[in-house]
Amino acid sequence: MQRDKDREQGTAELHAADPVLSERDRAMLEFERQWWKFAGSKEEAIRQQFDMSGTRYFQILNDLIDRPEALAADPLLVKRLRRMRSSRQKARAARNLGMRLD
C-alpha cells in the first residue's frame, strides 16, 4: 500500500519535474520503471503501449536517456539505463574483438 503511494508520488514528481519532456518521453520513462508489470514480453508491451516496434522504441529511448531533461526528471532510472547500455556496448565490442568479459 505504501509502495503504491510512493510510486504515485514519484510519478507525479516526474510529470512536474520538467515540462520540456514530451508526454511520450515521460510515458517511456514511466514504462521503463515498471515494464515487468505488463503481461507478455517487453516487445509486446512496447507495441501495445506505444504503437511502435521494439527497435524504434529503443532508438528513441537511447536518445532520451542522453538528454539532461530526462536525467533531471528521473536521475536514478536514467543512470541505471545508461549503465545497462554501456555494459551491453562493452560486451558487444568485446565479442566483435573475440574477447571474453568475465
Foldseek 3Di string as FASTA:
>chain_A
DVVVVVLVVLLVLLCVQDVVDDPVLSVLLNCLVPVVVDPDDSQVVCCVPPVDGPVVSVVVVVVSLVDVSNCRSPVVSSVVVVVVVVVVVVCVVCVVVVHDDD
